[in-house]
Amino acid sequence: MSFQYLKTVEGRICSNYKEACQVRGLLENDEHWNATLEEAAFVHSPRMLRDLFAGMLQVCALSNPNPL
């Protein structure tokens, strides 16, 4: 039995299962946290942004905080 169909998304074969899940939108990403930081950058001071980011690291189960 082949599980190749699990790596196929809209006719495209992904290199691995994780990529297929990302393409399908099944994995969490941090786009909403990135948008939050970008919006806050317009109205808050650098110190408040650092505090917000520190709080996000402590409380908000970020999937990959490095790019933020």
PDB file of N, CA and C in Angstrom:
ATOM      1  N   MET A   1       0.850  -1.180   0.000  1.00  0.00           N
ATOM      2  CA  MET A   1       0.000   0.000   0.000  1.00  0.00           C
ATOM      3  C   MET A   1       0.895   1.243   0.000  1.00  0.00           C
ATOM      4  N   SER A   2       0.608   2.160  -0.866  1.00  0.00           N
ATOM      5  CA  SER A   2       1.389   3.389  -0.980  1.00  0.00           C
ATOM      6  C   SER A   2       0.662   4.544  -0.294  1.00  0.00           C
ATOM      7  N   PHE A   3       1.436   5.341   0.400  1.00  0.00           N
ATOM      8  CA  PHE A   3       0.878   6.520   1.056  1.00  0.00           C
ATOM      9  C   PHE A   3       1.245   7.796   0.299  1.00  0.00           C
ATOM     10  N   GLN A   4       1.652   7.643  -0.959  1.00  0.00           N
ATOM     11  CA  GLN A   4       2.046   8.782  -1.790  1.00  0.00           C
ATOM     12  C   GLN A   4       0.911   9.796  -1.919  1.00  0.00           C
ATOM     13  N   TYR A   5      -0.323   9.323  -1.917  1.00  0.00           N
ATOM     14  CA  TYR A   5      -1.469  10.229  -2.060  1.00  0.00           C
ATOM     15  C   TYR A   5      -1.548  11.229  -0.905  1.00  0.00           C
ATOM     16  N   LEU A   6      -0.992  10.874   0.250  1.00  0.00           N
ATOM     17  CA  LEU A   6      -1.006  11.808   1.377  1.00  0.00           C
ATOM     18  C   LEU A   6      -0.083  12.999   1.134  1.00  0.00           C
ATOM     19  N   LYS A   7       0.935  12.809   0.299  1.00  0.00           N
ATOM     20  CA  LYS A   7       1.858  13.901  -0.023  1.00  0.00           C
ATOM     21  C   LYS A   7       1.425  14.673  -1.260  1.00  0.00           C
ATOM     22  N   THR A   8       0.305  14.303  -1.860  1.00  0.00           N
ATOM     23  CA  THR A   8      -0.180  14.960  -3.070  1.00  0.00           C
ATOM     24  C   THR A   8      -1.245  15.990  -2.709  1.00  0.00           C
ATOM     25  N   VAL A   9      -0.988  17.235  -3.098  1.00  0.00           N
ATOM     26  CA  VAL A   9      -1.918  18.330  -2.829  1.00  0.00           C
ATOM     27  C   VAL A   9      -2.190  19.040  -4.146  1.00  0.00           C
ATOM     28  N   GLU A  10      -3.444  19.041  -4.564  1.00  0.00           N
ATOM     29  CA  GLU A  10      -3.861  19.690  -5.808  1.00  0.00           C
ATOM     30  C   GLU A  10      -2.996  19.262  -6.992  1.00  0.00           C
ATOM     31  N   GLY A  11      -2.716  17.973  -7.079  1.00  0.00           N
ATOM     32  CA  GLY A  11      -1.945  17.436  -8.187  1.00  0.00           C
ATOM     33  C   GLY A  11      -0.440  17.562  -8.052  1.00  0.00           C
ATOM     34  N   ARG A  12       0.034  18.230  -7.027  1.00  0.00           N
ATOM     35  CA  ARG A  12       1.470  18.421  -6.812  1.00  0.00           C
ATOM     36  C   ARG A  12       1.927  17.487  -5.703  1.00  0.00           C
ATOM     37  N   ILE A  13       3.019  16.777  -5.922  1.00  0.00           N
ATOM     38  CA  ILE A  13       3.558  15.878  -4.902  1.00  0.00           C
ATOM     39  C   ILE A  13       4.582  16.645  -4.073  1.00  0.00           C
ATOM     40  N   CYS A  14       4.310  16.776  -2.797  1.00  0.00           N
ATOM     41  CA  CYS A  14       5.213  17.471  -1.877  1.00  0.00           C
ATOM     42  C   CYS A  14       6.380  16.555  -1.518  1.00  0.00           C
ATOM     43  N   SER A  15       7.474  17.145  -1.082  1.00  0.00           N
ATOM     44  CA  SER A  15       8.667  16.356  -0.780  1.00  0.00           C
ATOM     45  C   SER A  15       8.530  15.545   0.504  1.00  0.00           C
ATOM     46  N   ASN A  16       7.674  15.994   1.426  1.00  0.00           N
ATOM     47  CA  ASN A  16       7.460  15.240   2.663  1.00  0.00           C
ATOM     48  C   ASN A  16       6.058  15.519   3.204  1.00  0.00           C
ATOM     49  N   TYR A  17       5.687  14.797   4.243  1.00  0.00           N
ATOM     50  CA  TYR A  17       4.336  14.929   4.796  1.00  0.00           C
ATOM     51  C   TYR A  17       4.117  16.278   5.478  1.00  0.00           C
ATOM     52  N   LYS A  18       5.157  16.796   6.106  1.00  0.00           N
ATOM     53  CA  LYS A  18       5.026  18.096   6.775  1.00  0.00           C
ATOM     54  C   LYS A  18       4.717  19.189   5.758  1.00  0.00           C
ATOM     55  N   GLU A  19       5.410  19.179   4.642  1.00  0.00           N
ATOM     56  CA  GLU A  19       5.151  20.171   3.593  1.00  0.00           C
ATOM     57  C   GLU A  19       3.718  20.056   3.081  1.00  0.00           C
ATOM     58  N   ALA A  20       3.245  18.826   2.906  1.00  0.00           N
ATOM     59  CA  ALA A  20       1.867  18.614   2.449  1.00  0.00           C
ATOM     60  C   ALA A  20       0.871  19.181   3.458  1.00  0.00           C
ATOM     61  N   CYS A  21       1.147  18.991   4.730  1.00  0.00           N
ATOM     62  CA  CYS A  21       0.263  19.538   5.769  1.00  0.00           C
ATOM     63  C   CYS A  21       0.293  21.061   5.772  1.00  0.00           C
ATOM     64  N   GLN A  22       1.473  21.652   5.561  1.00  0.00           N
ATOM     65  CA  GLN A  22       1.578  23.107   5.511  1.00  0.00           C
ATOM     66  C   GLN A  22       0.794  23.660   4.333  1.00  0.00           C
ATOM     67  N   VAL A  23       0.918  23.034   3.173  1.00  0.00           N
ATOM     68  CA  VAL A  23       0.198  23.490   1.982  1.00  0.00           C
ATOM     69  C   VAL A  23      -1.304  23.402   2.206  1.00  0.00           C
ATOM     70  N   ARG A  24      -1.738  22.375   2.898  1.00  0.00           N
ATOM     71  CA  ARG A  24      -3.168  22.212   3.189  1.00  0.00           C
ATOM     72  C   ARG A  24      -3.649  23.138   4.300  1.00  0.00           C
ATOM     73  N   GLY A  25      -2.728  23.793   4.995  1.00  0.00           N
ATOM     74  CA  GLY A  25      -3.113  24.688   6.082  1.00  0.00           C
ATOM     75  C   GLY A  25      -3.462  23.960   7.365  1.00  0.00           C
ATOM     76  N   LEU A  26      -2.921  22.770   7.537  1.00  0.00           N
ATOM     77  CA  LEU A  26      -3.232  21.971   8.717  1.00  0.00           C
ATOM     78  C   LEU A  26      -2.322  22.266   9.903  1.00  0.00           C
ATOM     79  N   LEU A  27      -1.179  22.889   9.643  1.00  0.00           N
ATOM     80  CA  LEU A  27      -0.247  23.197  10.721  1.00  0.00           C
ATOM     81  C   LEU A  27      -0.412  24.641  11.161  1.00  0.00           C
ATOM     82  N   GLU A  28      -0.187  24.849  12.435  1.00  0.00           N
ATOM     83  CA  GLU A  28      -0.249  26.222  12.934  1.00  0.00           C
ATOM     84  C   GLU A  28       0.940  26.996  12.403  1.00  0.00           C
ATOM     85  N   ASN A  29       0.712  28.276  12.191  1.00  0.00           N
ATOM     86  CA  ASN A  29       1.815  29.160  11.861  1.00  0.00           C
ATOM     87  C   ASN A  29       1.653  30.425  12.693  1.00  0.00           C
ATOM     88  N   ASP A  30       2.612  31.279  12.627  1.00  0.00           N
ATOM     89  CA  ASP A  30       2.625  32.464  13.477  1.00  0.00           C
ATOM     90  C   ASP A  30       2.245  33.730  12.732  1.00  0.00           C
ATOM     91  N   GLU A  31       1.541  33.613  11.616  1.00  0.00           N
ATOM     92  CA  GLU A  31       1.181  34.792  10.831  1.00  0.00           C
ATOM     93  C   GLU A  31       0.338  35.776  11.637  1.00  0.00           C
ATOM     94  N   HIS A  32      -0.589  35.292  12.440  1.00  0.00           N
ATOM     95  CA  HIS A  32      -1.416  36.216  13.215  1.00  0.00           C
ATOM     96  C   HIS A  32      -0.586  36.934  14.276  1.00  0.00           C
ATOM     97  N   TRP A  33       0.447  36.263  14.817  1.00  0.00           N
ATOM     98  CA  TRP A  33       1.319  36.935  15.791  1.00  0.00           C
ATOM     99  C   TRP A  33       2.205  37.954  15.087  1.00  0.00           C
ATOM    100  N   ASN A  34       2.647  37.643  13.886  1.00  0.00           N
ATOM    101  CA  ASN A  34       3.431  38.593  13.104  1.00  0.00           C
ATOM    102  C   ASN A  34       2.601  39.835  12.801  1.00  0.00           C
ATOM    103  N   ALA A  35       1.346  39.639  12.415  1.00  0.00           N
ATOM    104  CA  ALA A  35       0.454  40.772  12.140  1.00  0.00           C
ATOM    105  C   ALA A  35       0.224  41.597  13.403  1.00  0.00           C
ATOM    106  N   THR A  36       0.113  40.936  14.540  1.00  0.00           N
ATOM    107  CA  THR A  36      -0.066  41.640  15.812  1.00  0.00           C
ATOM    108  C   THR A  36       1.127  42.539  16.102  1.00  0.00           C
ATOM    109  N   LEU A  37       2.337  42.010  15.923  1.00  0.00           N
ATOM    110  CA  LEU A  37       3.540  42.810  16.171  1.00  0.00           C
ATOM    111  C   LEU A  37       3.662  43.966  15.186  1.00  0.00           C
ATOM    112  N   GLU A  38       3.332  43.725  13.921  1.00  0.00           N
ATOM    113  CA  GLU A  38       3.404  44.797  12.927  1.00  0.00           C
ATOM    114  C   GLU A  38       2.415  45.909  13.246  1.00  0.00           C
ATOM    115  N   GLU A  39       1.223  45.544  13.657  1.00  0.00           N
ATOM    116  CA  GLU A  39       0.221  46.549  14.018  1.00  0.00           C
ATOM    117  C   GLU A  39       0.645  47.319  15.263  1.00  0.00           C
ATOM    118  N   ALA A  40       1.173  46.615  16.240  1.00  0.00           N
ATOM    119  CA  ALA A  40       1.605  47.261  17.479  1.00  0.00           C
ATOM    120  C   ALA A  40       2.773  48.210  17.233  1.00  0.00           C
ATOM    121  N   ALA A  41       3.591  47.931  16.230  1.00  0.00           N
ATOM    122  CA  ALA A  41       4.751  48.773  15.936  1.00  0.00           C
ATOM    123  C   ALA A  41       4.346  50.187  15.543  1.00  0.00           C
ATOM    124  N   PHE A  42       3.130  50.357  15.038  1.00  0.00           N
ATOM    125  CA  PHE A  42       2.667  51.684  14.644  1.00  0.00           C
ATOM    126  C   PHE A  42       2.248  52.542  15.829  1.00  0.00           C
ATOM    127  N   VAL A  43       1.854  51.920  16.923  1.00  0.00           N
ATOM    128  CA  VAL A  43       1.269  52.699  18.016  1.00  0.00           C
ATOM    129  C   VAL A  43       1.993  52.576  19.350  1.00  0.00           C
ATOM    130  N   HIS A  44       2.960  51.669  19.452  1.00  0.00           N
ATOM    131  CA  HIS A  44       3.619  51.462  20.739  1.00  0.00           C
ATOM    132  C   HIS A  44       5.106  51.782  20.660  1.00  0.00           C
ATOM    133  N   SER A  45       5.676  52.027  21.810  1.00  0.00           N
ATOM    134  CA  SER A  45       7.106  52.312  21.906  1.00  0.00           C
ATOM    135  C   SER A  45       7.900  51.008  21.777  1.00  0.00           C
ATOM    136  N   PRO A  46       9.199  51.120  21.491  1.00  0.00           N
ATOM    137  CA  PRO A  46      10.031  49.915  21.413  1.00  0.00           C
ATOM    138  C   PRO A  46       9.982  49.075  22.693  1.00  0.00           C
ATOM    139  N   ARG A  47       9.952  49.740  23.834  1.00  0.00           N
ATOM    140  CA  ARG A  47       9.888  48.989  25.093  1.00  0.00           C
ATOM    141  C   ARG A  47       8.595  48.184  25.178  1.00  0.00           C
ATOM    142  N   MET A  48       7.478  48.787  24.797  1.00  0.00           N
ATOM    143  CA  MET A  48       6.208  48.067  24.846  1.00  0.00           C
ATOM    144  C   MET A  48       6.203  46.899  23.855  1.00  0.00           C
ATOM    145  N   LEU A  49       6.853  47.078  22.704  1.00  0.00           N
ATOM    146  CA  LEU A  49       6.961  45.979  21.739  1.00  0.00           C
ATOM    147  C   LEU A  49       7.772  44.821  22.311  1.00  0.00           C
ATOM    148  N   ARG A  50       8.869  45.145  22.996  1.00  0.00           N
ATOM    149  CA  ARG A  50       9.666  44.092  23.633  1.00  0.00           C
ATOM    150  C   ARG A  50       8.851  43.362  24.686  1.00  0.00           C
ATOM    151  N   ASP A  51       8.090  44.117  25.488  1.00  0.00           N
ATOM    152  CA  ASP A  51       7.241  43.495  26.508  1.00  0.00           C
ATOM    153  C   ASP A  51       6.180  42.604  25.869  1.00  0.00           C
ATOM    154  N   LEU A  52       5.586  43.076  24.780  1.00  0.00           N
ATOM    155  CA  LEU A  52       4.582  42.283  24.073  1.00  0.00           C
ATOM    156  C   LEU A  52       5.199  40.992  23.545  1.00  0.00           C
ATOM    157  N   PHE A  53       6.366  41.104  22.926  1.00  0.00           N
ATOM    158  CA  PHE A  53       7.030  39.922  22.382  1.00  0.00           C
ATOM    159  C   PHE A  53       7.408  38.948  23.491  1.00  0.00           C
ATOM    160  N   ALA A  54       7.916  39.469  24.601  1.00  0.00           N
ATOM    161  CA  ALA A  54       8.261  38.599  25.734  1.00  0.00           C
ATOM    162  C   ALA A  54       7.023  37.879  26.258  1.00  0.00           C
ATOM    163  N   GLY A  55       5.918  38.593  26.343  1.00  0.00           N
ATOM    164  CA  GLY A  55       4.667  37.969  26.775  1.00  0.00           C
ATOM    165  C   GLY A  55       4.207  36.897  25.803  1.00  0.00           C
ATOM    166  N   MET A  56       4.371  37.168  24.515  1.00  0.00           N
ATOM    167  CA  MET A  56       3.999  36.178  23.504  1.00  0.00           C
ATOM    168  C   MET A  56       4.844  34.916  23.656  1.00  0.00           C
ATOM    169  N   LEU A  57       6.139  35.080  23.928  1.00  0.00           N
ATOM    170  CA  LEU A  57       7.012  33.921  24.112  1.00  0.00           C
ATOM    171  C   LEU A  57       6.602  33.095  25.326  1.00  0.00           C
ATOM    172  N   GLN A  58       6.154  33.773  26.384  1.00  0.00           N
ATOM    173  CA  GLN A  58       5.803  33.078  27.621  1.00  0.00           C
ATOM    174  C   GLN A  58       4.447  32.401  27.561  1.00  0.00           C
ATOM    175  N   VAL A  59       3.474  33.035  26.922  1.00  0.00           N
ATOM    176  CA  VAL A  59       2.088  32.603  27.047  1.00  0.00           C
ATOM    177  C   VAL A  59       1.513  31.986  25.775  1.00  0.00           C
ATOM    178  N   CYS A  60       1.953  32.429  24.635  1.00  0.00           N
ATOM    179  CA  CYS A  60       1.252  32.143  23.377  1.00  0.00           C
ATOM    180  C   CYS A  60       1.840  31.020  22.553  1.00  0.00           C
ATOM    181  N   ALA A  61       2.161  29.927  22.951  1.00  0.00           N
ATOM    182  CA  ALA A  61       2.572  28.753  22.165  1.00  0.00           C
ATOM    183  C   ALA A  61       2.931  29.057  20.706  1.00  0.00           C
ATOM    184  N   LEU A  62       3.956  29.876  20.503  1.00  0.00           N
ATOM    185  CA  LEU A  62       4.415  30.199  19.151  1.00  0.00           C
ATOM    186  C   LEU A  62       5.043  28.959  18.518  1.00  0.00           C
ATOM    187  N   SER A  63       4.718  28.709  17.264  1.00  0.00           N
ATOM    188  CA  SER A  63       5.264  27.519  16.611  1.00  0.00           C
ATOM    189  C   SER A  63       6.717  27.715  16.179  1.00  0.00           C
ATOM    190  N   ASN A  64       7.093  28.944  15.810  1.00  0.00           N
ATOM    191  CA  ASN A  64       8.465  29.235  15.396  1.00  0.00           C
ATOM    192  C   ASN A  64       8.747  30.712  15.650  1.00  0.00           C
ATOM    193  N   PRO A  65       9.211  31.073  16.848  1.00  0.00           N
ATOM    194  CA  PRO A  65       9.387  32.486  17.189  1.00  0.00           C
ATOM    195  C   PRO A  65      10.582  33.161  16.524  1.00  0.00           C
ATOM    196  N   ASN A  66      11.537  32.415  15.993  1.00  0.00           N
ATOM    197  CA  ASN A  66      12.746  33.026  15.431  1.00  0.00           C
ATOM    198  C   ASN A  66      12.472  34.040  14.329  1.00  0.00           C
ATOM    199  N   PRO A  67      11.610  33.772  13.354  1.00  0.00           N
ATOM    200  CA  PRO A  67      11.381  34.765  12.299  1.00  0.00           C
ATOM    201  C   PRO A  67      10.670  36.030  12.784  1.00  0.00           C
ATOM    202  N   LEU A  68       9.981  35.948  13.908  1.00  0.00           N
ATOM    203  CA  LEU A  68       9.264  37.120  14.395  1.00  0.00           C
ATOM    204  C   LEU A  68      10.254  38.154  14.860  1.00  0.00           C
TER     205      LEU A  68
END
